[in-house]
């Protein structure tokens, strides 16, 4: 499963890709970094980079992409479980129609649902800067002649499903994307947004 995260790894290998990406579950801060990765199996991930992720989506058999932004108090494996269930339901409805692309943002890893809620609001706001950068990277990739040759454009429909505090991540992502990269207004990128 492909995914994008602003959750920091235990070891950052930049500028090299991290072949053994492991989430730092003790750190729920989000920096400007974002990581485009592949989940190989439970608790095993590989950083593949943004261009490889976008190319893999473009070459996939699926006709549409559903970006899934999880809610608060979700550690990565819990979010992947939900994303896998969504993928199974979509496949059952219509094969090769919808590819689920989870966005993993850094929720708190301590006890106490009320404390998690307040802490996760900060993480949601911080994560929006990284995801706004990802949307801008996508626009640059999409408009790049070397990545999308004439008559070979990425024509997949993009949709967003934001659950619970994932709505805050999505809302703030759009706010920051417009403020810093799209001052003339946001492009009509998403076919559907489910809040």
N, C-alpha and C. Protein backbone atom coordinates (compact mmCIF):
# COMPACT_ATOMS: atom_id res chain seq x y z
N UNK A 1 0.84 -1.18 0.00
CA UNK A 1 0.00 0.00 0.00
C UNK A 1 0.88 1.24 0.00
N UNK A 2 0.62 2.15 -0.91
CA UNK A 2 1.32 3.43 -0.95
C UNK A 2 0.74 4.35 0.12
N UNK A 3 1.57 5.22 0.68
CA UNK A 3 1.07 6.21 1.64
C UNK A 3 2.01 7.40 1.71
N UNK A 4 1.48 8.49 2.27
CA UNK A 4 2.24 9.72 2.49
C UNK A 4 2.15 10.02 3.98
N UNK A 5 3.25 10.45 4.57
CA UNK A 5 3.24 10.75 6.00
C UNK A 5 4.06 11.99 6.32
N UNK A 6 3.62 12.67 7.36
CA UNK A 6 4.42 13.76 7.93
C UNK A 6 4.96 13.33 9.29
N UNK A 7 4.67 12.09 9.66
CA UNK A 7 5.20 11.55 10.91
C UNK A 7 6.68 11.23 10.69
N UNK A 8 7.53 11.69 11.59
CA UNK A 8 8.97 11.54 11.42
C UNK A 8 9.40 10.09 11.66
N UNK A 9 10.44 9.66 10.94
CA UNK A 9 10.98 8.31 11.17
C UNK A 9 11.95 8.31 12.34
N UNK A 10 12.28 7.12 12.81
CA UNK A 10 13.27 7.01 13.89
C UNK A 10 14.64 7.45 13.40
N UNK A 11 14.93 7.18 12.11
CA UNK A 11 16.19 7.60 11.49
C UNK A 11 15.86 8.26 10.17
N UNK A 12 16.33 9.48 9.99
CA UNK A 12 16.11 10.20 8.74
C UNK A 12 17.37 10.08 7.89
N UNK A 13 17.24 9.49 6.72
CA UNK A 13 18.39 9.23 5.85
C UNK A 13 18.54 10.25 4.73
N UNK A 14 17.79 11.36 4.81
CA UNK A 14 17.85 12.35 3.73
C UNK A 14 19.29 12.75 3.45
N UNK A 15 19.67 12.96 2.22
CA UNK A 15 18.85 12.98 1.02
C UNK A 15 18.57 11.61 0.41
N UNK A 16 19.13 10.55 0.99
CA UNK A 16 18.88 9.20 0.49
C UNK A 16 17.50 8.73 0.94
N UNK A 17 16.89 7.85 0.14
CA UNK A 17 15.61 7.25 0.53
C UNK A 17 15.85 6.22 1.62
N UNK A 18 14.94 6.16 2.56
CA UNK A 18 15.04 5.29 3.72
C UNK A 18 14.41 3.93 3.39
N UNK A 19 15.24 2.93 3.15
CA UNK A 19 14.76 1.60 2.77
C UNK A 19 14.12 0.86 3.94
N UNK A 20 14.41 1.31 5.16
CA UNK A 20 13.84 0.69 6.36
C UNK A 20 13.17 1.77 7.21
N UNK A 21 12.14 2.39 6.65
CA UNK A 21 11.44 3.49 7.31
C UNK A 21 10.67 2.96 8.51
N UNK A 22 10.93 3.53 9.68
CA UNK A 22 10.21 3.15 10.89
C UNK A 22 9.67 4.42 11.54
N UNK A 23 8.38 4.42 11.87
CA UNK A 23 7.76 5.58 12.50
C UNK A 23 8.32 5.79 13.90
N UNK A 24 8.58 7.06 14.23
CA UNK A 24 8.94 7.42 15.60
C UNK A 24 7.64 7.69 16.35
N UNK A 25 7.11 6.66 17.00
CA UNK A 25 5.81 6.78 17.66
C UNK A 25 5.85 7.64 18.91
N UNK A 26 7.04 7.93 19.42
CA UNK A 26 7.17 8.79 20.59
C UNK A 26 7.18 10.27 20.26
N UNK A 27 7.20 10.62 18.99
CA UNK A 27 7.25 12.02 18.56
C UNK A 27 6.02 12.33 17.72
N UNK A 28 5.13 13.17 18.27
CA UNK A 28 3.93 13.50 17.51
C UNK A 28 4.01 14.91 16.90
N UNK A 29 5.24 15.41 16.75
CA UNK A 29 5.39 16.70 16.07
C UNK A 29 5.50 16.46 14.57
N UNK A 30 5.11 17.46 13.82
CA UNK A 30 5.21 17.37 12.37
C UNK A 30 6.04 18.54 11.88
N UNK A 31 7.06 18.22 11.15
CA UNK A 31 7.87 19.29 10.57
C UNK A 31 7.43 19.56 9.15
N UNK A 32 8.29 20.21 8.39
CA UNK A 32 8.00 20.48 6.98
C UNK A 32 8.23 19.24 6.12
N UNK A 33 8.93 18.25 6.68
CA UNK A 33 9.23 17.05 5.91
C UNK A 33 7.96 16.26 5.62
N UNK A 34 7.98 15.61 4.49
CA UNK A 34 6.96 14.61 4.21
C UNK A 34 7.66 13.46 3.55
N UNK A 35 7.11 12.30 3.74
CA UNK A 35 7.73 11.08 3.25
C UNK A 35 6.71 10.29 2.44
N UNK A 36 7.09 9.92 1.24
CA UNK A 36 6.25 9.11 0.36
C UNK A 36 6.78 7.69 0.44
N UNK A 37 5.92 6.79 0.88
CA UNK A 37 6.37 5.45 1.24
C UNK A 37 5.45 4.37 0.71
N UNK A 38 5.90 3.14 0.95
CA UNK A 38 5.14 1.94 0.60
C UNK A 38 5.13 1.05 1.84
N UNK A 39 3.95 0.58 2.20
CA UNK A 39 3.82 -0.38 3.30
C UNK A 39 3.99 -1.76 2.71
N UNK A 40 5.03 -2.46 3.13
CA UNK A 40 5.32 -3.79 2.61
C UNK A 40 4.51 -4.86 3.34
N UNK A 41 4.42 -4.72 4.66
CA UNK A 41 3.60 -5.56 5.52
C UNK A 41 3.53 -4.85 6.86
N UNK A 42 2.83 -5.44 7.83
CA UNK A 42 2.66 -4.79 9.13
C UNK A 42 4.02 -4.40 9.72
N UNK A 43 4.13 -3.12 10.06
CA UNK A 43 5.34 -2.55 10.68
C UNK A 43 6.58 -2.57 9.80
N UNK A 44 6.43 -2.76 8.49
CA UNK A 44 7.56 -2.72 7.55
C UNK A 44 7.23 -1.77 6.40
N UNK A 45 8.05 -0.71 6.29
CA UNK A 45 7.79 0.35 5.32
C UNK A 45 9.07 0.72 4.59
N UNK A 46 8.90 1.26 3.40
CA UNK A 46 10.03 1.70 2.60
C UNK A 46 9.71 3.06 2.01
N UNK A 47 10.63 4.00 2.16
CA UNK A 47 10.46 5.32 1.56
C UNK A 47 10.79 5.20 0.07
N UNK A 48 9.89 5.68 -0.80
CA UNK A 48 10.12 5.56 -2.24
C UNK A 48 10.27 6.91 -2.93
N UNK A 49 9.93 8.00 -2.26
CA UNK A 49 10.06 9.34 -2.85
C UNK A 49 8.81 9.77 -3.59
N UNK A 50 8.64 11.07 -3.71
CA UNK A 50 7.40 11.61 -4.27
C UNK A 50 7.22 11.29 -5.76
N UNK A 51 8.28 11.39 -6.54
CA UNK A 51 8.13 11.11 -7.98
C UNK A 51 7.78 9.64 -8.22
N UNK A 52 8.41 8.75 -7.47
CA UNK A 52 8.09 7.32 -7.63
C UNK A 52 6.66 7.02 -7.19
N UNK A 53 6.22 7.67 -6.12
CA UNK A 53 4.85 7.47 -5.65
C UNK A 53 3.85 7.93 -6.72
N UNK A 54 4.07 9.12 -7.24
CA UNK A 54 3.13 9.66 -8.24
C UNK A 54 3.16 8.82 -9.52
N UNK A 55 4.32 8.35 -9.91
CA UNK A 55 4.41 7.50 -11.10
C UNK A 55 3.70 6.17 -10.87
N UNK A 56 3.84 5.61 -9.67
CA UNK A 56 3.17 4.34 -9.36
C UNK A 56 1.66 4.51 -9.38
N UNK A 57 1.17 5.64 -8.89
CA UNK A 57 -0.28 5.90 -8.94
C UNK A 57 -0.72 6.04 -10.39
N UNK A 58 0.05 6.78 -11.17
CA UNK A 58 -0.28 6.99 -12.58
C UNK A 58 -0.35 5.66 -13.33
N UNK A 59 0.59 4.76 -13.06
CA UNK A 59 0.66 3.49 -13.78
C UNK A 59 -0.26 2.42 -13.21
N UNK A 60 -0.90 2.70 -12.07
CA UNK A 60 -1.77 1.70 -11.46
C UNK A 60 -3.00 1.44 -12.32
N UNK A 61 -3.61 0.31 -12.11
CA UNK A 61 -4.79 -0.08 -12.88
C UNK A 61 -6.04 0.69 -12.46
N UNK A 62 -5.98 1.37 -11.33
CA UNK A 62 -7.15 2.05 -10.79
C UNK A 62 -7.48 3.32 -11.57
N UNK A 63 -8.76 3.61 -11.66
CA UNK A 63 -9.23 4.78 -12.40
C UNK A 63 -9.29 6.04 -11.54
N UNK A 64 -9.48 5.86 -10.23
CA UNK A 64 -9.60 6.98 -9.31
C UNK A 64 -8.71 6.76 -8.09
N UNK A 65 -8.40 7.86 -7.41
CA UNK A 65 -7.63 7.81 -6.16
C UNK A 65 -8.50 8.43 -5.07
N UNK A 66 -8.56 7.75 -3.93
CA UNK A 66 -9.24 8.30 -2.76
C UNK A 66 -8.19 8.52 -1.68
N UNK A 67 -7.88 9.78 -1.42
CA UNK A 67 -6.94 10.14 -0.37
C UNK A 67 -7.69 10.04 0.95
N UNK A 68 -7.20 9.18 1.83
CA UNK A 68 -7.86 8.95 3.12
C UNK A 68 -7.03 9.59 4.23
N UNK A 69 -7.64 10.57 4.94
CA UNK A 69 -6.98 11.25 6.06
C UNK A 69 -7.66 10.80 7.34
N UNK A 70 -6.96 10.03 8.16
CA UNK A 70 -7.54 9.45 9.37
C UNK A 70 -7.84 10.50 10.43
N UNK A 71 -8.58 10.08 11.44
CA UNK A 71 -8.94 10.96 12.54
C UNK A 71 -7.91 10.97 13.65
N UNK A 72 -8.27 11.58 14.80
CA UNK A 72 -7.34 11.73 15.91
C UNK A 72 -7.16 10.39 16.64
N UNK A 73 -6.08 10.32 17.42
CA UNK A 73 -5.75 9.17 18.25
C UNK A 73 -5.62 7.88 17.43
N UNK A 74 -5.02 7.98 16.25
CA UNK A 74 -4.78 6.81 15.40
C UNK A 74 -3.28 6.69 15.14
N UNK A 75 -2.72 5.60 15.58
CA UNK A 75 -1.33 5.31 15.24
C UNK A 75 -1.30 4.71 13.83
N UNK A 76 -0.16 4.68 13.18
CA UNK A 76 -0.10 4.28 11.78
C UNK A 76 -0.78 2.95 11.45
N UNK A 77 -0.51 1.90 12.21
CA UNK A 77 -1.08 0.60 11.87
C UNK A 77 -2.61 0.60 11.98
N UNK A 78 -3.17 1.36 12.90
CA UNK A 78 -4.63 1.48 13.00
C UNK A 78 -5.18 2.18 11.76
N UNK A 79 -4.49 3.21 11.30
CA UNK A 79 -4.92 3.93 10.08
C UNK A 79 -4.79 3.01 8.86
N UNK A 80 -3.74 2.21 8.80
CA UNK A 80 -3.59 1.27 7.67
C UNK A 80 -4.70 0.22 7.68
N UNK A 81 -5.09 -0.22 8.86
CA UNK A 81 -6.17 -1.20 8.96
C UNK A 81 -7.46 -0.62 8.36
N UNK A 82 -7.76 0.62 8.70
CA UNK A 82 -8.94 1.29 8.14
C UNK A 82 -8.82 1.46 6.64
N UNK A 83 -7.63 1.85 6.18
CA UNK A 83 -7.40 2.04 4.74
C UNK A 83 -7.56 0.72 3.99
N UNK A 84 -7.06 -0.38 4.56
CA UNK A 84 -7.21 -1.69 3.93
C UNK A 84 -8.69 -2.09 3.84
N UNK A 85 -9.44 -1.80 4.90
CA UNK A 85 -10.87 -2.11 4.88
C UNK A 85 -11.58 -1.30 3.80
N UNK A 86 -11.23 -0.02 3.69
CA UNK A 86 -11.79 0.82 2.62
C UNK A 86 -11.45 0.27 1.25
N UNK A 87 -10.19 -0.17 1.08
CA UNK A 87 -9.77 -0.72 -0.21
C UNK A 87 -10.57 -1.98 -0.55
N UNK A 88 -10.78 -2.85 0.44
CA UNK A 88 -11.57 -4.07 0.21
C UNK A 88 -13.01 -3.74 -0.18
N UNK A 89 -13.60 -2.76 0.51
CA UNK A 89 -14.98 -2.37 0.19
C UNK A 89 -15.08 -1.77 -1.22
N UNK A 90 -14.11 -0.95 -1.57
CA UNK A 90 -14.11 -0.37 -2.92
C UNK A 90 -13.92 -1.45 -3.98
N UNK A 91 -13.02 -2.39 -3.74
CA UNK A 91 -12.79 -3.48 -4.69
C UNK A 91 -14.03 -4.36 -4.84
N UNK A 92 -14.72 -4.56 -3.73
CA UNK A 92 -15.94 -5.38 -3.76
C UNK A 92 -17.03 -4.71 -4.60
N UNK A 93 -17.12 -3.39 -4.47
CA UNK A 93 -18.13 -2.64 -5.23
C UNK A 93 -17.81 -2.64 -6.72
N UNK A 94 -16.54 -2.35 -7.04
CA UNK A 94 -16.11 -2.34 -8.44
C UNK A 94 -14.60 -2.50 -8.51
N UNK A 95 -14.15 -3.57 -9.10
CA UNK A 95 -12.71 -3.85 -9.18
C UNK A 95 -11.99 -2.78 -9.99
N UNK A 96 -10.78 -2.46 -9.57
CA UNK A 96 -9.89 -1.53 -10.29
C UNK A 96 -10.45 -0.12 -10.44
N UNK A 97 -11.37 0.26 -9.58
CA UNK A 97 -11.98 1.59 -9.69
C UNK A 97 -11.28 2.61 -8.79
N UNK A 98 -11.10 2.30 -7.49
CA UNK A 98 -10.62 3.27 -6.52
C UNK A 98 -9.38 2.74 -5.79
N UNK A 99 -8.31 3.51 -5.83
CA UNK A 99 -7.09 3.22 -5.08
C UNK A 99 -7.10 4.08 -3.82
N UNK A 100 -6.97 3.46 -2.66
CA UNK A 100 -6.93 4.20 -1.39
C UNK A 100 -5.48 4.62 -1.13
N UNK A 101 -5.28 5.90 -0.88
CA UNK A 101 -3.97 6.46 -0.56
C UNK A 101 -4.05 7.12 0.82
N UNK A 102 -3.60 6.43 1.88
CA UNK A 102 -3.69 7.03 3.21
C UNK A 102 -2.66 8.13 3.43
N UNK A 103 -3.11 9.13 4.16
CA UNK A 103 -2.25 10.21 4.66
C UNK A 103 -2.09 9.94 6.15
N UNK A 104 -0.86 9.70 6.59
CA UNK A 104 -0.59 9.39 8.00
C UNK A 104 0.01 10.63 8.65
N UNK A 105 -0.75 11.23 9.55
CA UNK A 105 -0.24 12.38 10.28
C UNK A 105 0.00 11.96 11.74
N UNK A 106 0.88 12.66 12.46
CA UNK A 106 1.35 12.16 13.77
C UNK A 106 0.40 12.42 14.93
N UNK A 107 -0.40 11.41 15.26
CA UNK A 107 -1.24 11.48 16.45
C UNK A 107 -0.42 11.14 17.69
N UNK A 108 -0.93 11.55 18.84
CA UNK A 108 -0.25 11.33 20.11
C UNK A 108 -0.29 9.85 20.49
N UNK A 109 0.72 9.41 21.21
CA UNK A 109 0.86 8.00 21.58
C UNK A 109 0.81 7.82 23.09
N UNK A 110 0.05 8.66 23.80
CA UNK A 110 -0.03 8.48 25.24
C UNK A 110 -1.46 8.10 25.65
N UNK A 111 -1.65 7.88 26.92
CA UNK A 111 -2.96 7.48 27.43
C UNK A 111 -3.84 8.70 27.68
N UNK A 112 -5.12 8.53 27.47
CA UNK A 112 -6.07 9.60 27.77
C UNK A 112 -6.66 10.21 26.53
N UNK A 113 -7.90 9.88 26.26
CA UNK A 113 -8.55 10.33 25.02
C UNK A 113 -8.71 11.84 24.96
N UNK A 114 -9.01 12.48 26.11
CA UNK A 114 -9.18 13.94 26.13
C UNK A 114 -7.86 14.62 25.84
N UNK A 115 -6.79 14.16 26.50
CA UNK A 115 -5.46 14.74 26.26
C UNK A 115 -5.04 14.52 24.81
N UNK A 116 -5.31 13.32 24.27
CA UNK A 116 -4.99 13.04 22.87
C UNK A 116 -5.68 14.04 21.95
N UNK A 117 -6.94 14.33 22.23
CA UNK A 117 -7.70 15.24 21.37
C UNK A 117 -7.02 16.60 21.29
N UNK A 118 -6.63 17.14 22.44
CA UNK A 118 -6.01 18.47 22.45
C UNK A 118 -4.63 18.46 21.81
N UNK A 119 -3.86 17.43 22.13
CA UNK A 119 -2.52 17.33 21.53
C UNK A 119 -2.60 17.13 20.02
N UNK A 120 -3.56 16.33 19.58
CA UNK A 120 -3.67 16.02 18.15
C UNK A 120 -4.11 17.22 17.32
N UNK A 121 -4.82 18.17 17.94
CA UNK A 121 -5.18 19.38 17.19
C UNK A 121 -3.92 20.11 16.71
N UNK A 122 -2.93 20.19 17.59
CA UNK A 122 -1.67 20.85 17.23
C UNK A 122 -0.97 20.10 16.10
N UNK A 123 -0.94 18.77 16.22
CA UNK A 123 -0.29 17.96 15.19
C UNK A 123 -1.02 18.08 13.86
N UNK A 124 -2.34 18.15 13.90
CA UNK A 124 -3.13 18.30 12.67
C UNK A 124 -2.78 19.62 11.98
N UNK A 125 -2.73 20.69 12.77
CA UNK A 125 -2.38 22.00 12.19
C UNK A 125 -0.97 22.00 11.61
N UNK A 126 -0.01 21.43 12.35
CA UNK A 126 1.37 21.39 11.88
C UNK A 126 1.51 20.55 10.61
N UNK A 127 0.79 19.45 10.54
CA UNK A 127 0.89 18.55 9.39
C UNK A 127 0.41 19.19 8.11
N UNK A 128 -0.48 20.14 8.22
CA UNK A 128 -1.06 20.75 7.02
C UNK A 128 -0.01 21.45 6.16
N UNK A 129 1.06 21.96 6.75
CA UNK A 129 2.11 22.60 5.97
C UNK A 129 2.79 21.58 5.04
N UNK A 130 3.09 20.40 5.58
CA UNK A 130 3.75 19.36 4.78
C UNK A 130 2.82 18.88 3.66
N UNK A 131 1.55 18.69 3.96
CA UNK A 131 0.64 18.17 2.94
C UNK A 131 0.31 19.22 1.88
N UNK A 132 0.34 20.49 2.25
CA UNK A 132 0.20 21.55 1.24
C UNK A 132 1.39 21.50 0.28
N UNK A 133 2.58 21.26 0.81
CA UNK A 133 3.76 21.10 -0.04
C UNK A 133 3.59 19.91 -0.98
N UNK A 134 2.97 18.84 -0.50
CA UNK A 134 2.76 17.66 -1.34
C UNK A 134 1.81 17.98 -2.49
N UNK A 135 0.75 18.72 -2.22
CA UNK A 135 -0.17 19.08 -3.30
C UNK A 135 0.53 19.93 -4.35
N UNK A 136 1.40 20.84 -3.90
CA UNK A 136 2.14 21.66 -4.85
C UNK A 136 3.13 20.81 -5.65
N UNK A 137 3.77 19.85 -4.98
CA UNK A 137 4.67 18.92 -5.70
C UNK A 137 3.90 18.16 -6.77
N UNK A 138 2.68 17.76 -6.42
CA UNK A 138 1.86 17.05 -7.40
C UNK A 138 1.58 17.93 -8.61
N UNK A 139 1.23 19.20 -8.38
CA UNK A 139 0.94 20.11 -9.49
C UNK A 139 2.17 20.28 -10.38
N UNK A 140 3.33 20.42 -9.76
CA UNK A 140 4.57 20.58 -10.53
C UNK A 140 4.88 19.31 -11.32
N UNK A 141 4.67 18.15 -10.69
CA UNK A 141 4.88 16.87 -11.38
C UNK A 141 3.91 16.72 -12.55
N UNK A 142 2.64 17.04 -12.30
CA UNK A 142 1.61 16.90 -13.33
C UNK A 142 1.91 17.79 -14.54
N UNK A 143 2.45 18.97 -14.30
CA UNK A 143 2.72 19.93 -15.38
C UNK A 143 4.12 19.79 -15.97
N UNK A 144 4.89 18.83 -15.48
CA UNK A 144 6.26 18.65 -15.95
C UNK A 144 6.27 17.83 -17.23
N UNK A 145 6.85 18.37 -18.32
CA UNK A 145 6.89 17.63 -19.58
C UNK A 145 7.72 16.35 -19.49
N UNK A 146 8.73 16.32 -18.60
CA UNK A 146 9.54 15.10 -18.51
C UNK A 146 8.83 13.97 -17.76
N UNK A 147 7.90 14.31 -16.88
CA UNK A 147 7.17 13.28 -16.13
C UNK A 147 5.86 12.89 -16.80
N UNK A 148 5.28 13.81 -17.51
CA UNK A 148 4.00 13.56 -18.18
C UNK A 148 4.11 14.02 -19.63
N UNK A 149 4.63 13.14 -20.43
CA UNK A 149 4.82 13.46 -21.84
C UNK A 149 3.49 13.73 -22.51
N UNK A 150 3.54 14.46 -23.60
CA UNK A 150 2.34 14.76 -24.37
C UNK A 150 1.61 13.45 -24.71
N UNK A 151 0.30 13.47 -24.55
CA UNK A 151 -0.56 12.31 -24.78
C UNK A 151 -0.34 11.18 -23.78
N UNK A 152 0.32 11.48 -22.66
CA UNK A 152 0.51 10.47 -21.62
C UNK A 152 0.33 11.10 -20.24
N UNK A 153 -0.72 11.89 -20.09
CA UNK A 153 -0.99 12.59 -18.84
C UNK A 153 -1.63 11.66 -17.83
N UNK A 154 -1.50 12.02 -16.57
CA UNK A 154 -2.18 11.30 -15.50
C UNK A 154 -3.62 11.80 -15.45
N UNK A 155 -4.56 10.95 -15.78
CA UNK A 155 -5.97 11.35 -15.87
C UNK A 155 -6.82 10.75 -14.76
N UNK A 156 -6.21 10.32 -13.69
CA UNK A 156 -6.97 9.72 -12.59
C UNK A 156 -7.77 10.80 -11.86
N UNK A 157 -8.99 10.45 -11.50
CA UNK A 157 -9.80 11.36 -10.69
C UNK A 157 -9.34 11.27 -9.25
N UNK A 158 -9.23 12.42 -8.60
CA UNK A 158 -8.77 12.46 -7.21
C UNK A 158 -9.91 12.88 -6.30
N UNK A 159 -10.04 12.15 -5.19
CA UNK A 159 -11.07 12.39 -4.19
C UNK A 159 -10.41 12.39 -2.82
N UNK A 160 -11.09 12.98 -1.83
CA UNK A 160 -10.58 13.01 -0.46
C UNK A 160 -11.67 12.54 0.49
N UNK A 161 -11.28 11.69 1.43
CA UNK A 161 -12.14 11.30 2.54
C UNK A 161 -11.40 11.65 3.82
N UNK A 162 -11.90 12.66 4.53
CA UNK A 162 -11.26 13.10 5.77
C UNK A 162 -12.18 12.73 6.93
N UNK A 163 -11.64 11.96 7.88
CA UNK A 163 -12.43 11.49 9.01
C UNK A 163 -12.06 12.25 10.27
N UNK A 164 -13.07 12.70 11.01
CA UNK A 164 -12.87 13.31 12.32
C UNK A 164 -11.86 14.46 12.23
N UNK A 165 -10.79 14.41 12.98
CA UNK A 165 -9.81 15.49 12.94
C UNK A 165 -9.01 15.52 11.65
N UNK A 166 -9.15 14.49 10.83
CA UNK A 166 -8.57 14.54 9.50
C UNK A 166 -9.15 15.70 8.70
N UNK A 167 -10.38 16.12 9.06
CA UNK A 167 -10.97 17.30 8.43
C UNK A 167 -10.16 18.55 8.71
N UNK A 168 -9.64 18.63 9.92
CA UNK A 168 -8.82 19.78 10.28
C UNK A 168 -7.53 19.78 9.47
N UNK A 169 -6.93 18.60 9.31
CA UNK A 169 -5.72 18.48 8.49
C UNK A 169 -6.03 18.95 7.07
N UNK A 170 -7.13 18.46 6.50
CA UNK A 170 -7.49 18.79 5.12
C UNK A 170 -7.80 20.28 4.96
N UNK A 171 -8.61 20.81 5.87
CA UNK A 171 -8.97 22.23 5.79
C UNK A 171 -7.74 23.12 5.85
N UNK A 172 -6.87 22.87 6.83
CA UNK A 172 -5.67 23.69 6.97
C UNK A 172 -4.70 23.49 5.82
N UNK A 173 -4.67 22.29 5.26
CA UNK A 173 -3.84 22.04 4.08
C UNK A 173 -4.27 22.95 2.94
N UNK A 174 -5.57 23.03 2.70
CA UNK A 174 -6.07 23.89 1.63
C UNK A 174 -5.78 25.36 1.91
N UNK A 175 -5.93 25.76 3.17
CA UNK A 175 -5.64 27.16 3.55
C UNK A 175 -4.17 27.49 3.25
N UNK A 176 -3.26 26.62 3.69
CA UNK A 176 -1.82 26.90 3.48
C UNK A 176 -1.41 26.76 2.02
N UNK A 177 -2.00 25.84 1.31
CA UNK A 177 -1.68 25.68 -0.11
C UNK A 177 -2.06 26.94 -0.87
N UNK A 178 -3.23 27.48 -0.58
CA UNK A 178 -3.66 28.71 -1.26
C UNK A 178 -2.78 29.89 -0.86
N UNK A 179 -2.49 30.01 0.43
CA UNK A 179 -1.72 31.15 0.93
C UNK A 179 -0.30 31.19 0.35
N UNK A 180 0.37 30.04 0.31
CA UNK A 180 1.78 30.03 -0.05
C UNK A 180 2.08 29.66 -1.50
N UNK A 181 1.17 28.92 -2.15
CA UNK A 181 1.48 28.44 -3.49
C UNK A 181 0.46 28.79 -4.57
N UNK A 182 -0.78 29.01 -4.20
CA UNK A 182 -1.84 29.23 -5.18
C UNK A 182 -2.62 30.51 -4.86
N UNK A 183 -1.96 31.68 -4.84
CA UNK A 183 -2.65 32.92 -4.44
C UNK A 183 -3.78 33.33 -5.38
N UNK A 184 -3.79 32.82 -6.60
CA UNK A 184 -4.87 33.15 -7.54
C UNK A 184 -6.11 32.29 -7.30
N UNK A 185 -6.02 31.36 -6.38
CA UNK A 185 -7.13 30.46 -6.09
C UNK A 185 -6.73 29.02 -6.33
N UNK A 186 -7.37 28.12 -5.62
CA UNK A 186 -7.03 26.70 -5.72
C UNK A 186 -7.55 26.10 -7.02
N UNK A 187 -6.78 25.20 -7.61
CA UNK A 187 -7.25 24.51 -8.82
C UNK A 187 -8.35 23.50 -8.44
N UNK A 188 -9.15 23.14 -9.41
CA UNK A 188 -10.20 22.16 -9.18
C UNK A 188 -9.58 20.76 -9.27
N UNK A 189 -8.88 20.38 -8.22
CA UNK A 189 -8.11 19.15 -8.20
C UNK A 189 -8.94 17.95 -7.77
N UNK A 190 -9.82 18.16 -6.80
CA UNK A 190 -10.57 17.04 -6.22
C UNK A 190 -11.97 16.97 -6.79
N UNK A 191 -12.31 15.79 -7.28
CA UNK A 191 -13.65 15.57 -7.82
C UNK A 191 -14.69 15.55 -6.69
N UNK A 192 -14.36 14.87 -5.60
CA UNK A 192 -15.24 14.78 -4.43
C UNK A 192 -14.42 14.95 -3.17
N UNK A 193 -15.01 15.61 -2.18
CA UNK A 193 -14.43 15.73 -0.85
C UNK A 193 -15.47 15.28 0.15
N UNK A 194 -15.16 14.24 0.89
CA UNK A 194 -16.08 13.71 1.89
C UNK A 194 -15.58 14.10 3.26
N UNK A 195 -16.38 14.85 4.00
CA UNK A 195 -15.98 15.39 5.30
C UNK A 195 -16.69 14.65 6.39
